[in-house]
Amino acid sequence: MDDRQLMENMLILEKGGCDLMMHGTIESADPEVKRAFNCSLNSSLQMQGDIYAKMQQKGWYPTQQVEMQKKAAVKQKFNA
């Protein structure tokens, strides 16, 4: 397994962790449990962002620029 595959696996796992923590935050009735899930969610989101940024820096997670017209159309759609 090379570094790219390792980073991809880490990102997938971290995204799954974020999903679990988000649902725990949403579903928790107890304020302390909710706070614990929310704190873990924020940490997981930070880690996911760090992994993504590193992958993008190395060219392993390419993104494409969206045309301004498409952005404006989506913005208009959801503002209506």
PDB file of N, CA and C in Angstrom:
ATOM      1  N   MET A   1       0.850  -1.180   0.000  1.00  0.00           N
ATOM      2  CA  MET A   1       0.000   0.000   0.000  1.00  0.00           C
ATOM      3  C   MET A   1       0.897   1.244   0.000  1.00  0.00           C
ATOM      4  N   ASP A   2       0.646   2.135  -0.954  1.00  0.00           N
ATOM      5  CA  ASP A   2       1.461   3.349  -1.017  1.00  0.00           C
ATOM      6  C   ASP A   2       0.838   4.464  -0.170  1.00  0.00           C
ATOM      7  N   ASP A   3       1.524   5.592  -0.092  1.00  0.00           N
ATOM      8  CA  ASP A   3       1.068   6.707   0.751  1.00  0.00           C
ATOM      9  C   ASP A   3      -0.294   7.236   0.327  1.00  0.00           C
ATOM     10  N   ARG A   4      -0.530   7.296  -0.980  1.00  0.00           N
ATOM     11  CA  ARG A   4      -1.815   7.801  -1.463  1.00  0.00           C
ATOM     12  C   ARG A   4      -2.966   6.906  -1.000  1.00  0.00           C
ATOM     13  N   GLN A   5      -2.817   5.618  -1.143  1.00  0.00           N
ATOM     14  CA  GLN A   5      -3.856   4.689  -0.706  1.00  0.00           C
ATOM     15  C   GLN A   5      -4.077   4.776   0.796  1.00  0.00           C
ATOM     16  N   LEU A   6      -2.992   4.914   1.531  1.00  0.00           N
ATOM     17  CA  LEU A   6      -3.085   5.047   2.980  1.00  0.00           C
ATOM     18  C   LEU A   6      -3.886   6.295   3.353  1.00  0.00           C
ATOM     19  N   MET A   7      -3.571   7.419   2.700  1.00  0.00           N
ATOM     20  CA  MET A   7      -4.285   8.673   2.976  1.00  0.00           C
ATOM     21  C   MET A   7      -5.753   8.570   2.566  1.00  0.00           C
ATOM     22  N   GLU A   8      -6.038   7.916   1.436  1.00  0.00           N
ATOM     23  CA  GLU A   8      -7.420   7.725   1.006  1.00  0.00           C
ATOM     24  C   GLU A   8      -8.193   6.919   2.048  1.00  0.00           C
ATOM     25  N   ASN A   9      -7.574   5.852   2.540  1.00  0.00           N
ATOM     26  CA  ASN A   9      -8.220   5.030   3.572  1.00  0.00           C
ATOM     27  C   ASN A   9      -8.458   5.831   4.852  1.00  0.00           C
ATOM     28  N   MET A  10      -7.467   6.625   5.234  1.00  0.00           N
ATOM     29  CA  MET A  10      -7.627   7.460   6.434  1.00  0.00           C
ATOM     30  C   MET A  10      -8.781   8.444   6.251  1.00  0.00           C
ATOM     31  N   LEU A  11      -8.887   9.046   5.073  1.00  0.00           N
ATOM     32  CA  LEU A  11      -9.948  10.005   4.811  1.00  0.00           C
ATOM     33  C   LEU A  11     -11.317   9.333   4.854  1.00  0.00           C
ATOM     34  N   ILE A  12     -11.428   8.168   4.252  1.00  0.00           N
ATOM     35  CA  ILE A  12     -12.696   7.424   4.273  1.00  0.00           C
ATOM     36  C   ILE A  12     -13.099   7.090   5.698  1.00  0.00           C
ATOM     37  N   LEU A  13     -12.149   6.607   6.485  1.00  0.00           N
ATOM     38  CA  LEU A  13     -12.451   6.262   7.875  1.00  0.00           C
ATOM     39  C   LEU A  13     -12.831   7.495   8.692  1.00  0.00           C
ATOM     40  N   GLU A  14     -12.139   8.589   8.466  1.00  0.00           N
ATOM     41  CA  GLU A  14     -12.427   9.811   9.213  1.00  0.00           C
ATOM     42  C   GLU A  14     -13.801  10.367   8.841  1.00  0.00           C
ATOM     43  N   LYS A  15     -14.149  10.295   7.559  1.00  0.00           N
ATOM     44  CA  LYS A  15     -15.477  10.731   7.137  1.00  0.00           C
ATOM     45  C   LYS A  15     -16.565   9.883   7.807  1.00  0.00           C
ATOM     46  N   GLY A  16     -16.315   8.578   7.909  1.00  0.00           N
ATOM     47  CA  GLY A  16     -17.258   7.695   8.604  1.00  0.00           C
ATOM     48  C   GLY A  16     -17.386   8.059  10.070  1.00  0.00           C
ATOM     49  N   GLY A  17     -16.259   8.388  10.694  1.00  0.00           N
ATOM     50  CA  GLY A  17     -16.278   8.824  12.091  1.00  0.00           C
ATOM     51  C   GLY A  17     -17.066  10.112  12.261  1.00  0.00           C
ATOM     52  N   CYS A  18     -16.882  11.046  11.327  1.00  0.00           N
ATOM     53  CA  CYS A  18     -17.637  12.306  11.376  1.00  0.00           C
ATOM     54  C   CYS A  18     -19.139  12.028  11.301  1.00  0.00           C
ATOM     55  N   ASP A  19     -19.511  11.112  10.433  1.00  0.00           N
ATOM     56  CA  ASP A  19     -20.926  10.765  10.283  1.00  0.00           C
ATOM     57  C   ASP A  19     -21.492  10.202  11.584  1.00  0.00           C
ATOM     58  N   LEU A  20     -20.742   9.320  12.216  1.00  0.00           N
ATOM     59  CA  LEU A  20     -21.195   8.737  13.484  1.00  0.00           C
ATOM     60  C   LEU A  20     -21.317   9.797  14.584  1.00  0.00           C
ATOM     61  N   MET A  21     -20.323  10.663  14.675  1.00  0.00           N
ATOM     62  CA  MET A  21     -20.346  11.707  15.708  1.00  0.00           C
ATOM     63  C   MET A  21     -21.467  12.713  15.459  1.00  0.00           C
ATOM     64  N   MET A  22     -21.733  13.011  14.184  1.00  0.00           N
ATOM     65  CA  MET A  22     -22.822  13.933  13.863  1.00  0.00           C
ATOM     66  C   MET A  22     -24.160  13.347  14.320  1.00  0.00           C
ATOM     67  N   HIS A  23     -24.371  12.075  14.010  1.00  0.00           N
ATOM     68  CA  HIS A  23     -25.628  11.453  14.432  1.00  0.00           C
ATOM     69  C   HIS A  23     -25.723  11.353  15.956  1.00  0.00           C
ATOM     70  N   GLY A  24     -24.607  11.087  16.600  1.00  0.00           N
ATOM     71  CA  GLY A  24     -24.606  11.062  18.061  1.00  0.00           C
ATOM     72  C   GLY A  24     -24.968  12.427  18.632  1.00  0.00           C
ATOM     73  N   THR A  25     -24.447  13.488  18.018  1.00  0.00           N
ATOM     74  CA  THR A  25     -24.756  14.845  18.469  1.00  0.00           C
ATOM     75  C   THR A  25     -26.227  15.156  18.268  1.00  0.00           C
ATOM     76  N   ILE A  26     -26.745  14.808  17.119  1.00  0.00           N
ATOM     77  CA  ILE A  26     -28.151  15.103  16.798  1.00  0.00           C
ATOM     78  C   ILE A  26     -29.102  14.310  17.684  1.00  0.00           C
ATOM     79  N   GLU A  27     -28.790  13.050  17.926  1.00  0.00           N
ATOM     80  CA  GLU A  27     -29.715  12.145  18.604  1.00  0.00           C
ATOM     81  C   GLU A  27     -29.626  12.179  20.129  1.00  0.00           C
ATOM     82  N   SER A  28     -28.581  12.748  20.683  1.00  0.00           N
ATOM     83  CA  SER A  28     -28.390  12.718  22.139  1.00  0.00           C
ATOM     84  C   SER A  28     -29.394  13.604  22.858  1.00  0.00           C
ATOM     85  N   ALA A  29     -30.026  13.026  23.853  1.00  0.00           N
ATOM     86  CA  ALA A  29     -30.974  13.780  24.675  1.00  0.00           C
ATOM     87  C   ALA A  29     -30.270  14.394  25.891  1.00  0.00           C
ATOM     88  N   ASP A  30     -29.255  13.739  26.377  1.00  0.00           N
ATOM     89  CA  ASP A  30     -28.528  14.211  27.552  1.00  0.00           C
ATOM     90  C   ASP A  30     -27.521  15.289  27.135  1.00  0.00           C
ATOM     91  N   PRO A  31     -27.549  16.453  27.779  1.00  0.00           N
ATOM     92  CA  PRO A  31     -26.650  17.547  27.390  1.00  0.00           C
ATOM     93  C   PRO A  31     -25.162  17.198  27.478  1.00  0.00           C
ATOM     94  N   GLU A  32     -24.776  16.426  28.470  1.00  0.00           N
ATOM     95  CA  GLU A  32     -23.361  16.066  28.602  1.00  0.00           C
ATOM     96  C   GLU A  32     -22.921  15.117  27.492  1.00  0.00           C
ATOM     97  N   VAL A  33     -23.778  14.157  27.159  1.00  0.00           N
ATOM     98  CA  VAL A  33     -23.475  13.223  26.075  1.00  0.00           C
ATOM     99  C   VAL A  33     -23.429  13.987  24.753  1.00  0.00           C
ATOM    100  N   LYS A  34     -24.379  14.894  24.578  1.00  0.00           N
ATOM    101  CA  LYS A  34     -24.425  15.713  23.369  1.00  0.00           C
ATOM    102  C   LYS A  34     -23.135  16.528  23.232  1.00  0.00           C
ATOM    103  N   ARG A  35     -22.675  17.133  24.316  1.00  0.00           N
ATOM    104  CA  ARG A  35     -21.442  17.914  24.307  1.00  0.00           C
ATOM    105  C   ARG A  35     -20.231  17.040  23.955  1.00  0.00           C
ATOM    106  N   ALA A  36     -20.202  15.838  24.515  1.00  0.00           N
ATOM    107  CA  ALA A  36     -19.086  14.919  24.237  1.00  0.00           C
ATOM    108  C   ALA A  36     -19.053  14.538  22.759  1.00  0.00           C
ATOM    109  N   PHE A  37     -20.228  14.205  22.202  1.00  0.00           N
ATOM    110  CA  PHE A  37     -20.287  13.885  20.773  1.00  0.00           C
ATOM    111  C   PHE A  37     -19.896  15.094  19.927  1.00  0.00           C
ATOM    112  N   ASN A  38     -20.372  16.267  20.306  1.00  0.00           N
ATOM    113  CA  ASN A  38     -20.090  17.476  19.540  1.00  0.00           C
ATOM    114  C   ASN A  38     -18.593  17.800  19.560  1.00  0.00           C
ATOM    115  N   CYS A  39     -17.965  17.633  20.698  1.00  0.00           N
ATOM    116  CA  CYS A  39     -16.516  17.862  20.811  1.00  0.00           C
ATOM    117  C   CYS A  39     -15.755  16.877  19.926  1.00  0.00           C
ATOM    118  N   SER A  40     -16.178  15.619  19.962  1.00  0.00           N
ATOM    119  CA  SER A  40     -15.543  14.607  19.119  1.00  0.00           C
ATOM    120  C   SER A  40     -15.784  14.895  17.644  1.00  0.00           C
ATOM    121  N   LEU A  41     -16.981  15.366  17.317  1.00  0.00           N
ATOM    122  CA  LEU A  41     -17.300  15.720  15.933  1.00  0.00           C
ATOM    123  C   LEU A  41     -16.373  16.824  15.444  1.00  0.00           C
ATOM    124  N   ASN A  42     -16.204  17.864  16.250  1.00  0.00           N
ATOM    125  CA  ASN A  42     -15.330  18.963  15.849  1.00  0.00           C
ATOM    126  C   ASN A  42     -13.892  18.501  15.648  1.00  0.00           C
ATOM    127  N   SER A  43     -13.416  17.634  16.509  1.00  0.00           N
ATOM    128  CA  SER A  43     -12.062  17.091  16.356  1.00  0.00           C
ATOM    129  C   SER A  43     -11.947  16.251  15.084  1.00  0.00           C
ATOM    130  N   SER A  44     -12.963  15.445  14.832  1.00  0.00           N
ATOM    131  CA  SER A  44     -12.968  14.609  13.626  1.00  0.00           C
ATOM    132  C   SER A  44     -13.029  15.455  12.360  1.00  0.00           C
ATOM    133  N   LEU A  45     -13.823  16.517  12.388  1.00  0.00           N
ATOM    134  CA  LEU A  45     -13.910  17.407  11.232  1.00  0.00           C
ATOM    135  C   LEU A  45     -12.570  18.091  10.971  1.00  0.00           C
ATOM    136  N   GLN A  46     -11.893  18.478  12.025  1.00  0.00           N
ATOM    137  CA  GLN A  46     -10.573  19.100  11.875  1.00  0.00           C
ATOM    138  C   GLN A  46      -9.584  18.116  11.265  1.00  0.00           C
ATOM    139  N   MET A  47      -9.595  16.890  11.766  1.00  0.00           N
ATOM    140  CA  MET A  47      -8.688  15.875  11.246  1.00  0.00           C
ATOM    141  C   MET A  47      -9.010  15.557   9.784  1.00  0.00           C
ATOM    142  N   GLN A  48     -10.284  15.460   9.464  1.00  0.00           N
ATOM    143  CA  GLN A  48     -10.697  15.204   8.080  1.00  0.00           C
ATOM    144  C   GLN A  48     -10.217  16.336   7.178  1.00  0.00           C
ATOM    145  N   GLY A  49     -10.361  17.558   7.637  1.00  0.00           N
ATOM    146  CA  GLY A  49      -9.908  18.705   6.866  1.00  0.00           C
ATOM    147  C   GLY A  49      -8.403  18.702   6.655  1.00  0.00           C
ATOM    148  N   ASP A  50      -7.669  18.309   7.678  1.00  0.00           N
ATOM    149  CA  ASP A  50      -6.207  18.239   7.575  1.00  0.00           C
ATOM    150  C   ASP A  50      -5.774  17.178   6.557  1.00  0.00           C
ATOM    151  N   ILE A  51      -6.422  16.020   6.604  1.00  0.00           N
ATOM    152  CA  ILE A  51      -6.096  14.948   5.664  1.00  0.00           C
ATOM    153  C   ILE A  51      -6.418  15.399   4.242  1.00  0.00           C
ATOM    154  N   TYR A  52      -7.588  15.975   4.058  1.00  0.00           N
ATOM    155  CA  TYR A  52      -7.993  16.469   2.736  1.00  0.00           C
ATOM    156  C   TYR A  52      -6.987  17.494   2.207  1.00  0.00           C
ATOM    157  N   ALA A  53      -6.608  18.451   3.047  1.00  0.00           N
ATOM    158  CA  ALA A  53      -5.677  19.497   2.619  1.00  0.00           C
ATOM    159  C   ALA A  53      -4.338  18.902   2.198  1.00  0.00           C
ATOM    160  N   LYS A  54      -3.856  17.918   2.934  1.00  0.00           N
ATOM    161  CA  LYS A  54      -2.585  17.276   2.603  1.00  0.00           C
ATOM    162  C   LYS A  54      -2.690  16.524   1.275  1.00  0.00           C
ATOM    163  N   MET A  55      -3.807  15.832   1.079  1.00  0.00           N
ATOM    164  CA  MET A  55      -4.011  15.103  -0.170  1.00  0.00           C
ATOM    165  C   MET A  55      -4.117  16.066  -1.350  1.00  0.00           C
ATOM    166  N   GLN A  56      -4.823  17.161  -1.160  1.00  0.00           N
ATOM    167  CA  GLN A  56      -4.963  18.144  -2.223  1.00  0.00           C
ATOM    168  C   GLN A  56      -3.607  18.771  -2.544  1.00  0.00           C
ATOM    169  N   GLN A  57      -2.819  19.054  -1.528  1.00  0.00           N
ATOM    170  CA  GLN A  57      -1.483  19.625  -1.702  1.00  0.00           C
ATOM    171  C   GLN A  57      -0.594  18.718  -2.550  1.00  0.00           C
ATOM    172  N   LYS A  58      -0.741  17.416  -2.357  1.00  0.00           N
ATOM    173  CA  LYS A  58       0.069  16.457  -3.103  1.00  0.00           C
ATOM    174  C   LYS A  58      -0.535  16.115  -4.470  1.00  0.00           C
ATOM    175  N   GLY A  59      -1.709  16.691  -4.775  1.00  0.00           N
ATOM    176  CA  GLY A  59      -2.357  16.408  -6.052  1.00  0.00           C
ATOM    177  C   GLY A  59      -3.131  15.102  -6.063  1.00  0.00           C
ATOM    178  N   TRP A  60      -3.402  14.549  -4.896  1.00  0.00           N
ATOM    179  CA  TRP A  60      -4.105  13.278  -4.786  1.00  0.00           C
ATOM    180  C   TRP A  60      -5.613  13.442  -4.660  1.00  0.00           C
ATOM    181  N   TYR A  61      -6.073  14.644  -4.507  1.00  0.00           N
ATOM    182  CA  TYR A  61      -7.513  14.915  -4.372  1.00  0.00           C
ATOM    183  C   TYR A  61      -7.812  16.149  -5.215  1.00  0.00           C
ATOM    184  N   PRO A  62      -7.786  15.968  -6.538  1.00  0.00           N
ATOM    185  CA  PRO A  62      -7.977  17.136  -7.403  1.00  0.00           C
ATOM    186  C   PRO A  62      -9.414  17.647  -7.352  1.00  0.00           C
ATOM    187  N   THR A  63      -9.541  18.929  -7.451  1.00  0.00           N
ATOM    188  CA  THR A  63     -10.853  19.559  -7.519  1.00  0.00           C
ATOM    189  C   THR A  63     -10.893  20.419  -8.775  1.00  0.00           C
ATOM    190  N   GLN A  64     -12.086  20.716  -9.229  1.00  0.00           N
ATOM    191  CA  GLN A  64     -12.199  21.577 -10.382  1.00  0.00           C
ATOM    192  C   GLN A  64     -12.949  22.845  -9.999  1.00  0.00           C
ATOM    193  N   GLN A  65     -12.585  23.912 -10.638  1.00  0.00           N
ATOM    194  CA  GLN A  65     -13.222  25.194 -10.370  1.00  0.00           C
ATOM    195  C   GLN A  65     -14.609  25.207 -11.007  1.00  0.00           C
ATOM    196  N   VAL A  66     -15.556  25.778 -10.300  1.00  0.00           N
ATOM    197  CA  VAL A  66     -16.917  25.884 -10.796  1.00  0.00           C
ATOM    198  C   VAL A  66     -17.103  27.265 -11.417  1.00  0.00           C
ATOM    199  N   GLU A  67     -17.764  27.272 -12.560  1.00  0.00           N
ATOM    200  CA  GLU A  67     -18.017  28.539 -13.239  1.00  0.00           C
ATOM    201  C   GLU A  67     -18.925  29.418 -12.379  1.00  0.00           C
ATOM    202  N   MET A  68     -18.699  30.717 -12.443  1.00  0.00           N
ATOM    203  CA  MET A  68     -19.492  31.679 -11.670  1.00  0.00           C
ATOM    204  C   MET A  68     -20.978  31.559 -11.989  1.00  0.00           C
ATOM    205  N   GLN A  69     -21.330  31.272 -13.244  1.00  0.00           N
ATOM    206  CA  GLN A  69     -22.735  31.146 -13.628  1.00  0.00           C
ATOM    207  C   GLN A  69     -23.396  29.985 -12.890  1.00  0.00           C
ATOM    208  N   LYS A  70     -22.681  28.885 -12.752  1.00  0.00           N
ATOM    209  CA  LYS A  70     -23.230  27.728 -12.046  1.00  0.00           C
ATOM    210  C   LYS A  70     -23.401  28.037 -10.564  1.00  0.00           C
ATOM    211  N   LYS A  71     -22.424  28.726  -9.981  1.00  0.00           N
ATOM    212  CA  LYS A  71     -22.544  29.124  -8.577  1.00  0.00           C
ATOM    213  C   LYS A  71     -23.765  30.016  -8.373  1.00  0.00           C
ATOM    214  N   ALA A  72     -23.933  30.993  -9.264  1.00  0.00           N
ATOM    215  CA  ALA A  72     -25.055  31.927  -9.159  1.00  0.00           C
ATOM    216  C   ALA A  72     -26.381  31.196  -9.305  1.00  0.00           C
ATOM    217  N   ALA A  73     -26.451  30.215 -10.198  1.00  0.00           N
ATOM    218  CA  ALA A  73     -27.686  29.460 -10.405  1.00  0.00           C
ATOM    219  C   ALA A  73     -28.060  28.662  -9.159  1.00  0.00           C
ATOM    220  N   VAL A  74     -27.078  28.035  -8.537  1.00  0.00           N
ATOM    221  CA  VAL A  74     -27.341  27.250  -7.319  1.00  0.00           C
ATOM    222  C   VAL A  74     -27.761  28.188  -6.190  1.00  0.00           C
ATOM    223  N   LYS A  75     -27.068  29.300  -6.054  1.00  0.00           N
ATOM    224  CA  LYS A  75     -27.400  30.272  -5.018  1.00  0.00           C
ATOM    225  C   LYS A  75     -28.826  30.788  -5.196  1.00  0.00           C
ATOM    226  N   GLN A  76     -29.186  31.095  -6.416  1.00  0.00           N
ATOM    227  CA  GLN A  76     -30.538  31.588  -6.705  1.00  0.00           C
ATOM    228  C   GLN A  76     -31.576  30.522  -6.400  1.00  0.00           C
ATOM    229  N   LYS A  77     -31.279  29.291  -6.752  1.00  0.00           N
ATOM    230  CA  LYS A  77     -32.208  28.181  -6.514  1.00  0.00           C
ATOM    231  C   LYS A  77     -32.534  28.025  -5.033  1.00  0.00           C
ATOM    232  N   PHE A  78     -31.511  28.112  -4.186  1.00  0.00           N
ATOM    233  CA  PHE A  78     -31.715  27.886  -2.763  1.00  0.00           C
ATOM    234  C   PHE A  78     -32.146  29.126  -2.003  1.00  0.00           C
ATOM    235  N   ASN A  79     -32.021  30.290  -2.604  1.00  0.00           N
ATOM    236  CA  ASN A  79     -32.524  31.514  -1.991  1.00  0.00           C
ATOM    237  C   ASN A  79     -34.015  31.715  -2.249  1.00  0.00           C
ATOM    238  N   ALA A  80     -34.529  31.000  -3.242  1.00  0.00           N
ATOM    239  CA  ALA A  80     -35.942  31.168  -3.597  1.00  0.00           C
ATOM    240  C   ALA A  80     -36.861  30.470  -2.634  1.00  0.00           C
TER     241      ALA A  80
END
